[in-house]
Full PDB file with SEQRES, HELIX, SHEET, SSBOND, CRYST1, ORIGX, SCALE, CONECT and MASTER records, all heavy atoms in Angstrom:
SEQRES   1 A   39  ALA GLY ALA SER ARG ALA GLN CYS VAL PHE ALA THR VAL          
SEQRES   2 A   39  ALA VAL GLY ALA ALA SER PHE ALA PHE GLY MET ALA PRO          
SEQRES   3 A   39  ILE THR ALA LEU THR VAL ILE SER LEU SER MET THR CYS          
HELIX    1 AA1 ARG A    5  MET A   24  1                                  20    
HELIX    2 AA2 PRO A   26  THR A   38  1                                  13    
CRYST1    1.000    1.000    1.000  90.00  90.00  90.00 P 1           1          
ORIGX1      1.000000  0.000000  0.000000        0.00000                         
ORIGX2      0.000000  1.000000  0.000000        0.00000                         
ORIGX3      0.000000  0.000000  1.000000        0.00000                         
SCALE1      1.000000  0.000000  0.000000        0.00000                         
SCALE2      0.000000  1.000000  0.000000        0.00000                         
SCALE3      0.000000  0.000000  1.000000        0.00000                         
ATOM      1  N   ALA A   1      36.059 -22.626 -10.921  1.00  0.00           N  
ATOM      2  CA  ALA A   1      36.082 -23.447 -12.131  1.00  0.00           C  
ATOM      3  C   ALA A   1      36.796 -22.769 -13.291  1.00  0.00           C  
ATOM      4  O   ALA A   1      37.158 -23.429 -14.271  1.00  0.00           O  
ATOM      5  CB  ALA A   1      34.647 -23.805 -12.541  1.00  0.00           C  
ATOM      6  N   GLY A   2      37.021 -21.453 -13.220  1.00  0.00           N  
ATOM      7  CA  GLY A   2      37.641 -20.750 -14.332  1.00  0.00           C  
ATOM      8  C   GLY A   2      36.719 -20.707 -15.549  1.00  0.00           C  
ATOM      9  O   GLY A   2      35.505 -20.897 -15.447  1.00  0.00           O  
ATOM     10  N   ALA A   3      37.289 -20.470 -16.697  1.00  0.00           N  
ATOM     11  CA  ALA A   3      36.500 -20.420 -17.930  1.00  0.00           C  
ATOM     12  C   ALA A   3      36.025 -21.820 -18.299  1.00  0.00           C  
ATOM     13  O   ALA A   3      36.768 -22.792 -18.197  1.00  0.00           O  
ATOM     14  CB  ALA A   3      37.330 -19.823 -19.052  1.00  0.00           C  
ATOM     15  N   SER A   4      34.774 -21.909 -18.715  1.00  0.00           N  
ATOM     16  CA  SER A   4      34.219 -23.203 -19.110  1.00  0.00           C  
ATOM     17  C   SER A   4      34.727 -23.588 -20.500  1.00  0.00           C  
ATOM     18  O   SER A   4      35.296 -22.772 -21.233  1.00  0.00           O  
ATOM     19  CB  SER A   4      32.694 -23.134 -19.122  1.00  0.00           C  
ATOM     20  OG  SER A   4      32.242 -22.260 -20.146  1.00  0.00           O  
ATOM     21  N   ARG A   5      34.483 -24.855 -20.873  1.00  0.00           N  
ATOM     22  CA  ARG A   5      34.888 -25.308 -22.197  1.00  0.00           C  
ATOM     23  C   ARG A   5      34.165 -24.508 -23.282  1.00  0.00           C  
ATOM     24  O   ARG A   5      34.780 -24.137 -24.295  1.00  0.00           O  
ATOM     25  CB  ARG A   5      34.584 -26.805 -22.346  1.00  0.00           C  
ATOM     26  CG  ARG A   5      34.947 -27.361 -23.718  1.00  0.00           C  
ATOM     27  CD  ARG A   5      34.691 -28.854 -23.789  1.00  0.00           C  
ATOM     28  NE  ARG A   5      35.523 -29.576 -22.837  1.00  0.00           N  
ATOM     29  CZ  ARG A   5      35.492 -30.897 -22.676  1.00  0.00           C  
ATOM     30  NH1 ARG A   5      34.654 -31.632 -23.405  1.00  0.00           N  
ATOM     31  NH2 ARG A   5      36.279 -31.481 -21.798  1.00  0.00           N  
ATOM     32  N   ALA A   6      32.880 -24.220 -23.061  1.00  0.00           N  
ATOM     33  CA  ALA A   6      32.124 -23.448 -24.054  1.00  0.00           C  
ATOM     34  C   ALA A   6      32.707 -22.050 -24.213  1.00  0.00           C  
ATOM     35  O   ALA A   6      32.793 -21.525 -25.344  1.00  0.00           O  
ATOM     36  CB  ALA A   6      30.655 -23.372 -23.650  1.00  0.00           C  
ATOM     37  N   GLN A   7      33.113 -21.429 -23.108  1.00  0.00           N  
ATOM     38  CA  GLN A   7      33.714 -20.104 -23.193  1.00  0.00           C  
ATOM     39  C   GLN A   7      35.036 -20.150 -23.949  1.00  0.00           C  
ATOM     40  O   GLN A   7      35.332 -19.258 -24.752  1.00  0.00           O  
ATOM     41  CB  GLN A   7      33.924 -19.538 -21.786  1.00  0.00           C  
ATOM     42  CG  GLN A   7      32.632 -19.124 -21.087  1.00  0.00           C  
ATOM     43  CD  GLN A   7      32.877 -18.711 -19.643  1.00  0.00           C  
ATOM     44  OE1 GLN A   7      33.418 -19.485 -18.851  1.00  0.00           O  
ATOM     45  NE2 GLN A   7      32.475 -17.501 -19.295  1.00  0.00           N  
ATOM     46  N   CYS A   8      35.840 -21.162 -23.667  1.00  0.00           N  
ATOM     47  CA  CYS A   8      37.123 -21.295 -24.363  1.00  0.00           C  
ATOM     48  C   CYS A   8      36.907 -21.511 -25.863  1.00  0.00           C  
ATOM     49  O   CYS A   8      37.615 -20.921 -26.697  1.00  0.00           O  
ATOM     50  CB  CYS A   8      37.915 -22.456 -23.772  1.00  0.00           C  
ATOM     51  SG  CYS A   8      38.467 -22.178 -22.073  1.00  0.00           S  
ATOM     52  N   VAL A   9      35.923 -22.366 -26.200  1.00  0.00           N  
ATOM     53  CA  VAL A   9      35.629 -22.609 -27.618  1.00  0.00           C  
ATOM     54  C   VAL A   9      35.157 -21.327 -28.292  1.00  0.00           C  
ATOM     55  O   VAL A   9      35.591 -20.986 -29.412  1.00  0.00           O  
ATOM     56  CB  VAL A   9      34.574 -23.723 -27.763  1.00  0.00           C  
ATOM     57  CG1 VAL A   9      34.073 -23.813 -29.196  1.00  0.00           C  
ATOM     58  CG2 VAL A   9      35.154 -25.064 -27.318  1.00  0.00           C  
ATOM     59  N   PHE A  10      34.269 -20.589 -27.607  1.00  0.00           N  
ATOM     60  CA  PHE A  10      33.752 -19.335 -28.176  1.00  0.00           C  
ATOM     61  C   PHE A  10      34.885 -18.344 -28.407  1.00  0.00           C  
ATOM     62  O   PHE A  10      34.962 -17.701 -29.467  1.00  0.00           O  
ATOM     63  CB  PHE A  10      32.704 -18.736 -27.243  1.00  0.00           C  
ATOM     64  CG  PHE A  10      32.166 -17.407 -27.703  1.00  0.00           C  
ATOM     65  CD1 PHE A  10      31.166 -17.339 -28.660  1.00  0.00           C  
ATOM     66  CD2 PHE A  10      32.682 -16.224 -27.190  1.00  0.00           C  
ATOM     67  CE1 PHE A  10      30.693 -16.109 -29.102  1.00  0.00           C  
ATOM     68  CE2 PHE A  10      32.216 -14.993 -27.624  1.00  0.00           C  
ATOM     69  CZ  PHE A  10      31.206 -14.935 -28.580  1.00  0.00           C  
ATOM     70  N   ALA A  11      35.780 -18.205 -27.419  1.00  0.00           N  
ATOM     71  CA  ALA A  11      36.892 -17.262 -27.560  1.00  0.00           C  
ATOM     72  C   ALA A  11      37.811 -17.672 -28.704  1.00  0.00           C  
ATOM     73  O   ALA A  11      38.268 -16.824 -29.497  1.00  0.00           O  
ATOM     74  CB  ALA A  11      37.676 -17.192 -26.253  1.00  0.00           C  
ATOM     75  N   THR A  12      38.070 -18.979 -28.826  1.00  0.00           N  
ATOM     76  CA  THR A  12      38.940 -19.471 -29.901  1.00  0.00           C  
ATOM     77  C   THR A  12      38.321 -19.204 -31.273  1.00  0.00           C  
ATOM     78  O   THR A  12      39.001 -18.736 -32.205  1.00  0.00           O  
ATOM     79  CB  THR A  12      39.201 -20.973 -29.724  1.00  0.00           C  
ATOM     80  OG1 THR A  12      39.786 -21.199 -28.432  1.00  0.00           O  
ATOM     81  CG2 THR A  12      40.136 -21.486 -30.805  1.00  0.00           C  
ATOM     82  N   VAL A  13      37.020 -19.496 -31.390  1.00  0.00           N  
ATOM     83  CA  VAL A  13      36.329 -19.270 -32.664  1.00  0.00           C  
ATOM     84  C   VAL A  13      36.309 -17.781 -33.004  1.00  0.00           C  
ATOM     85  O   VAL A  13      36.518 -17.391 -34.168  1.00  0.00           O  
ATOM     86  CB  VAL A  13      34.898 -19.842 -32.596  1.00  0.00           C  
ATOM     87  CG1 VAL A  13      34.089 -19.407 -33.820  1.00  0.00           C  
ATOM     88  CG2 VAL A  13      34.938 -21.357 -32.498  1.00  0.00           C  
ATOM     89  N   ALA A  14      36.055 -16.936 -31.993  1.00  0.00           N  
ATOM     90  CA  ALA A  14      36.001 -15.493 -32.240  1.00  0.00           C  
ATOM     91  C   ALA A  14      37.346 -14.971 -32.717  1.00  0.00           C  
ATOM     92  O   ALA A  14      37.420 -14.180 -33.682  1.00  0.00           O  
ATOM     93  CB  ALA A  14      35.568 -14.768 -30.972  1.00  0.00           C  
ATOM     94  N   VAL A  15      38.417 -15.402 -32.047  1.00  0.00           N  
ATOM     95  CA  VAL A  15      39.756 -14.959 -32.464  1.00  0.00           C  
ATOM     96  C   VAL A  15      40.078 -15.480 -33.862  1.00  0.00           C  
ATOM     97  O   VAL A  15      40.626 -14.753 -34.712  1.00  0.00           O  
ATOM     98  CB  VAL A  15      40.814 -15.429 -31.439  1.00  0.00           C  
ATOM     99  CG1 VAL A  15      42.224 -15.168 -31.973  1.00  0.00           C  
ATOM    100  CG2 VAL A  15      40.621 -14.717 -30.113  1.00  0.00           C  
ATOM    101  N   GLY A  16      39.716 -16.753 -34.117  1.00  0.00           N  
ATOM    102  CA  GLY A  16      39.971 -17.323 -35.443  1.00  0.00           C  
ATOM    103  C   GLY A  16      39.202 -16.604 -36.529  1.00  0.00           C  
ATOM    104  O   GLY A  16      39.751 -16.317 -37.614  1.00  0.00           O  
ATOM    105  N   ALA A  17      37.931 -16.291 -36.255  1.00  0.00           N  
ATOM    106  CA  ALA A  17      37.113 -15.591 -37.244  1.00  0.00           C  
ATOM    107  C   ALA A  17      37.649 -14.193 -37.508  1.00  0.00           C  
ATOM    108  O   ALA A  17      37.692 -13.735 -38.668  1.00  0.00           O  
ATOM    109  CB  ALA A  17      35.663 -15.525 -36.765  1.00  0.00           C  
ATOM    110  N   ALA A  18      38.071 -13.509 -36.439  1.00  0.00           N  
ATOM    111  CA  ALA A  18      38.620 -12.164 -36.614  1.00  0.00           C  
ATOM    112  C   ALA A  18      39.912 -12.213 -37.420  1.00  0.00           C  
ATOM    113  O   ALA A  18      40.139 -11.366 -38.306  1.00  0.00           O  
ATOM    114  CB  ALA A  18      38.860 -11.522 -35.253  1.00  0.00           C  
ATOM    115  N   SER A  19      40.750 -13.203 -37.144  1.00  0.00           N  
ATOM    116  CA  SER A  19      42.012 -13.327 -37.884  1.00  0.00           C  
ATOM    117  C   SER A  19      41.746 -13.610 -39.364  1.00  0.00           C  
ATOM    118  O   SER A  19      42.404 -13.036 -40.256  1.00  0.00           O  
ATOM    119  CB  SER A  19      42.860 -14.454 -37.287  1.00  0.00           C  
ATOM    120  OG  SER A  19      43.140 -14.193 -35.929  1.00  0.00           O  
ATOM    121  N   PHE A  20      40.783 -14.491 -39.611  1.00  0.00           N  
ATOM    122  CA  PHE A  20      40.432 -14.810 -41.002  1.00  0.00           C  
ATOM    123  C   PHE A  20      39.892 -13.570 -41.725  1.00  0.00           C  
ATOM    124  O   PHE A  20      40.261 -13.294 -42.880  1.00  0.00           O  
ATOM    125  CB  PHE A  20      39.398 -15.932 -41.022  1.00  0.00           C  
ATOM    126  CG  PHE A  20      38.938 -16.304 -42.400  1.00  0.00           C  
ATOM    127  CD1 PHE A  20      39.738 -17.087 -43.224  1.00  0.00           C  
ATOM    128  CD2 PHE A  20      37.707 -15.850 -42.891  1.00  0.00           C  
ATOM    129  CE1 PHE A  20      39.319 -17.427 -44.515  1.00  0.00           C  
ATOM    130  CE2 PHE A  20      37.292 -16.182 -44.171  1.00  0.00           C  
ATOM    131  CZ  PHE A  20      38.104 -16.973 -44.988  1.00  0.00           C  
ATOM    132  N   ALA A  21      39.029 -12.833 -41.010  1.00  0.00           N  
ATOM    133  CA  ALA A  21      38.455 -11.628 -41.620  1.00  0.00           C  
ATOM    134  C   ALA A  21      39.531 -10.594 -41.917  1.00  0.00           C  
ATOM    135  O   ALA A  21      39.514  -9.957 -42.987  1.00  0.00           O  
ATOM    136  CB  ALA A  21      37.387 -11.046 -40.694  1.00  0.00           C  
ATOM    137  N   PHE A  22      40.472 -10.422 -41.005  1.00  0.00           N  
ATOM    138  CA  PHE A  22      41.558  -9.472 -41.243  1.00  0.00           C  
ATOM    139  C   PHE A  22      42.414  -9.916 -42.429  1.00  0.00           C  
ATOM    140  O   PHE A  22      42.918  -9.085 -43.196  1.00  0.00           O  
ATOM    141  CB  PHE A  22      42.435  -9.340 -39.990  1.00  0.00           C  
ATOM    142  CG  PHE A  22      41.986  -8.267 -39.056  1.00  0.00           C  
ATOM    143  CD1 PHE A  22      41.385  -8.579 -37.844  1.00  0.00           C  
ATOM    144  CD2 PHE A  22      42.155  -6.926 -39.385  1.00  0.00           C  
ATOM    145  CE1 PHE A  22      40.963  -7.589 -36.980  1.00  0.00           C  
ATOM    146  CE2 PHE A  22      41.745  -5.929 -38.524  1.00  0.00           C  
ATOM    147  CZ  PHE A  22      41.138  -6.255 -37.312  1.00  0.00           C  
ATOM    148  N   GLY A  23      42.570 -11.231 -42.559  1.00  0.00           N  
ATOM    149  CA  GLY A  23      43.362 -11.727 -43.677  1.00  0.00           C  
ATOM    150  C   GLY A  23      42.681 -11.520 -45.010  1.00  0.00           C  
ATOM    151  O   GLY A  23      43.333 -11.218 -46.023  1.00  0.00           O  
ATOM    152  N   MET A  24      41.347 -11.662 -45.041  1.00  0.00           N  
ATOM    153  CA  MET A  24      40.600 -11.550 -46.290  1.00  0.00           C  
ATOM    154  C   MET A  24      40.269 -10.099 -46.643  1.00  0.00           C  
ATOM    155  O   MET A  24      40.379  -9.698 -47.810  1.00  0.00           O  
ATOM    156  CB  MET A  24      39.308 -12.371 -46.185  1.00  0.00           C  
ATOM    157  CG  MET A  24      39.529 -13.857 -45.978  1.00  0.00           C  
ATOM    158  SD  MET A  24      40.430 -14.625 -47.351  1.00  0.00           S  
ATOM    159  CE  MET A  24      39.214 -14.454 -48.663  1.00  0.00           C  
ATOM    160  N   ALA A  25      39.813  -9.338 -45.658  1.00  0.00           N  
ATOM    161  CA  ALA A  25      39.400  -7.942 -45.923  1.00  0.00           C  
ATOM    162  C   ALA A  25      39.721  -7.101 -44.693  1.00  0.00           C  
ATOM    163  O   ALA A  25      38.847  -6.830 -43.862  1.00  0.00           O  
ATOM    164  CB  ALA A  25      37.910  -7.883 -46.248  1.00  0.00           C  
ATOM    165  N   PRO A  26      40.966  -6.715 -44.553  1.00  0.00           N  
ATOM    166  CA  PRO A  26      41.387  -6.039 -43.314  1.00  0.00           C  
ATOM    167  C   PRO A  26      40.642  -4.739 -43.027  1.00  0.00           C  
ATOM    168  O   PRO A  26      40.285  -4.477 -41.878  1.00  0.00           O  
ATOM    169  CB  PRO A  26      42.884  -5.790 -43.543  1.00  0.00           C  
ATOM    170  CG  PRO A  26      43.096  -5.928 -45.012  1.00  0.00           C  
ATOM    171  CD  PRO A  26      42.066  -6.896 -45.489  1.00  0.00           C  
ATOM    172  N   ILE A  27      40.384  -3.937 -44.043  1.00  0.00           N  
ATOM    173  CA  ILE A  27      39.711  -2.659 -43.813  1.00  0.00           C  
ATOM    174  C   ILE A  27      38.283  -2.889 -43.313  1.00  0.00           C  
ATOM    175  O   ILE A  27      37.831  -2.273 -42.340  1.00  0.00           O  
ATOM    176  CB  ILE A  27      39.702  -1.803 -45.098  1.00  0.00           C  
ATOM    177  CG1 ILE A  27      41.139  -1.550 -45.575  1.00  0.00           C  
ATOM    178  CG2 ILE A  27      38.970  -0.492 -44.836  1.00  0.00           C  
ATOM    179  CD1 ILE A  27      41.995  -0.802 -44.577  1.00  0.00           C  
ATOM    180  N   THR A  28      37.571  -3.778 -43.983  1.00  0.00           N  
ATOM    181  CA  THR A  28      36.189  -4.072 -43.579  1.00  0.00           C  
ATOM    182  C   THR A  28      36.138  -4.668 -42.179  1.00  0.00           C  
ATOM    183  O   THR A  28      35.295  -4.296 -41.359  1.00  0.00           O  
ATOM    184  CB  THR A  28      35.538  -5.045 -44.583  1.00  0.00           C  
ATOM    185  OG1 THR A  28      35.610  -4.482 -45.894  1.00  0.00           O  
ATOM    186  CG2 THR A  28      34.093  -5.318 -44.212  1.00  0.00           C  
ATOM    187  N   ALA A  29      37.044  -5.599 -41.885  1.00  0.00           N  
ATOM    188  CA  ALA A  29      37.072  -6.231 -40.564  1.00  0.00           C  
ATOM    189  C   ALA A  29      37.342  -5.196 -39.476  1.00  0.00           C  
ATOM    190  O   ALA A  29      36.690  -5.186 -38.427  1.00  0.00           O  
ATOM    191  CB  ALA A  29      38.135  -7.324 -40.534  1.00  0.00           C  
ATOM    192  N   LEU A  30      38.307  -4.324 -39.732  1.00  0.00           N  
ATOM    193  CA  LEU A  30      38.629  -3.292 -38.746  1.00  0.00           C  
ATOM    194  C   LEU A  30      37.448  -2.365 -38.522  1.00  0.00           C  
ATOM    195  O   LEU A  30      37.151  -1.963 -37.390  1.00  0.00           O  
ATOM    196  CB  LEU A  30      39.855  -2.497 -39.211  1.00  0.00           C  
ATOM    197  CG  LEU A  30      40.339  -1.401 -38.270  1.00  0.00           C  
ATOM    198  CD1 LEU A  30      40.758  -2.000 -36.934  1.00  0.00           C  
ATOM    199  CD2 LEU A  30      41.495  -0.623 -38.897  1.00  0.00           C  
ATOM    200  N   THR A  31      36.743  -2.031 -39.597  1.00  0.00           N  
ATOM    201  CA  THR A  31      35.584  -1.143 -39.486  1.00  0.00           C  
ATOM    202  C   THR A  31      34.473  -1.785 -38.658  1.00  0.00           C  
ATOM    203  O   THR A  31      33.888  -1.143 -37.777  1.00  0.00           O  
ATOM    204  CB  THR A  31      35.051  -0.789 -40.882  1.00  0.00           C  
ATOM    205  OG1 THR A  31      36.073  -0.140 -41.623  1.00  0.00           O  
ATOM    206  CG2 THR A  31      33.841   0.123 -40.777  1.00  0.00           C  
ATOM    207  N   VAL A  32      34.175  -3.056 -38.926  1.00  0.00           N  
ATOM    208  CA  VAL A  32      33.111  -3.753 -38.191  1.00  0.00           C  
ATOM    209  C   VAL A  32      33.455  -3.853 -36.708  1.00  0.00           C  
ATOM    210  O   VAL A  32      32.621  -3.577 -35.837  1.00  0.00           O  
ATOM    211  CB  VAL A  32      32.870  -5.147 -38.800  1.00  0.00           C  
ATOM    212  CG1 VAL A  32      31.938  -5.965 -37.910  1.00  0.00           C  
ATOM    213  CG2 VAL A  32      32.295  -5.024 -40.201  1.00  0.00           C  
ATOM    214  N   ILE A  33      34.701  -4.257 -36.423  1.00  0.00           N  
ATOM    215  CA  ILE A  33      35.111  -4.383 -35.014  1.00  0.00           C  
ATOM    216  C   ILE A  33      35.091  -3.024 -34.331  1.00  0.00           C  
ATOM    217  O   ILE A  33      34.630  -2.874 -33.190  1.00  0.00           O  
ATOM    218  CB  ILE A  33      36.510  -5.027 -34.930  1.00  0.00           C  
ATOM    219  CG1 ILE A  33      36.442  -6.481 -35.400  1.00  0.00           C  
ATOM    220  CG2 ILE A  33      37.055  -4.955 -33.511  1.00  0.00           C  
ATOM    221  CD1 ILE A  33      37.789  -7.167 -35.478  1.00  0.00           C  
ATOM    222  N   SER A  34      35.576  -2.001 -35.030  1.00  0.00           N  
ATOM    223  CA  SER A  34      35.599  -0.651 -34.457  1.00  0.00           C  
ATOM    224  C   SER A  34      34.193  -0.154 -34.158  1.00  0.00           C  
ATOM    225  O   SER A  34      33.927   0.415 -33.090  1.00  0.00           O  
ATOM    226  CB  SER A  34      36.308   0.305 -35.409  1.00  0.00           C  
ATOM    227  OG  SER A  34      36.259   1.621 -34.924  1.00  0.00           O  
ATOM    228  N   LEU A  35      33.265  -0.366 -35.099  1.00  0.00           N  
ATOM    229  CA  LEU A  35      31.880   0.058 -34.885  1.00  0.00           C  
ATOM    230  C   LEU A  35      31.262  -0.674 -33.700  1.00  0.00           C  
ATOM    231  O   LEU A  35      30.576  -0.066 -32.861  1.00  0.00           O  
ATOM    232  CB  LEU A  35      31.059  -0.195 -36.158  1.00  0.00           C  
ATOM    233  CG  LEU A  35      31.230   0.800 -37.304  1.00  0.00           C  
ATOM    234  CD1 LEU A  35      30.491   0.318 -38.548  1.00  0.00           C  
ATOM    235  CD2 LEU A  35      30.717   2.178 -36.883  1.00  0.00           C  
ATOM    236  N   SER A  36      31.484  -1.979 -33.626  1.00  0.00           N  
ATOM    237  CA  SER A  36      30.897  -2.769 -32.535  1.00  0.00           C  
ATOM    238  C   SER A  36      31.422  -2.302 -31.182  1.00  0.00           C  
ATOM    239  O   SER A  36      30.648  -2.069 -30.242  1.00  0.00           O  
ATOM    240  CB  SER A  36      31.216  -4.253 -32.738  1.00  0.00           C  
ATOM    241  OG  SER A  36      30.735  -4.712 -33.982  1.00  0.00           O  
ATOM    242  N   MET A  37      32.755  -2.164 -31.069  1.00  0.00           N  
ATOM    243  CA  MET A  37      33.337  -1.756 -29.795  1.00  0.00           C  
ATOM    244  C   MET A  37      32.914  -0.340 -29.424  1.00  0.00           C  
ATOM    245  O   MET A  37      32.626  -0.049 -28.259  1.00  0.00           O  
ATOM    246  CB  MET A  37      34.864  -1.843 -29.866  1.00  0.00           C  
ATOM    247  CG  MET A  37      35.401  -3.254 -30.115  1.00  0.00           C  
ATOM    248  SD  MET A  37      34.900  -4.407 -28.820  1.00  0.00           S  
ATOM    249  CE  MET A  37      35.754  -3.747 -27.417  1.00  0.00           C  
ATOM    250  N   THR A  38      32.858   0.546 -30.422  1.00  0.00           N  
ATOM    251  CA  THR A  38      32.460   1.929 -30.135  1.00  0.00           C  
ATOM    252  C   THR A  38      31.026   1.982 -29.630  1.00  0.00           C  
ATOM    253  O   THR A  38      30.712   2.751 -28.702  1.00  0.00           O  
ATOM    254  CB  THR A  38      32.614   2.794 -31.391  1.00  0.00           C  
ATOM    255  OG1 THR A  38      33.955   2.716 -31.868  1.00  0.00           O  
ATOM    256  CG2 THR A  38      32.286   4.246 -31.091  1.00  0.00           C  
ATOM    257  N   CYS A  39      30.140   1.181 -30.209  1.00  0.00           N  
ATOM    258  CA  CYS A  39      28.743   1.148 -29.745  1.00  0.00           C  
ATOM    259  C   CYS A  39      28.662   0.674 -28.296  1.00  0.00           C  
ATOM    260  O   CYS A  39      27.928   1.246 -27.479  1.00  0.00           O  
ATOM    261  CB  CYS A  39      27.916   0.248 -30.649  1.00  0.00           C  
ATOM    262  SG  CYS A  39      27.576   0.939 -32.278  1.00  0.00           S  
TER     263      CYS A  39                                                      
MASTER        0    0    0    2    0    0    0    6  262    1    0    3          
END                                                                             
């Protein structure tokens, strides 16, 4: 079945939110993402 519609929507929203955050506060966004991935 591949990725479900919910998974595609979640991925799209996540990418959109990350892009928006980088546009508004790039340093803070990078720090949050870096901390999350490092954990």
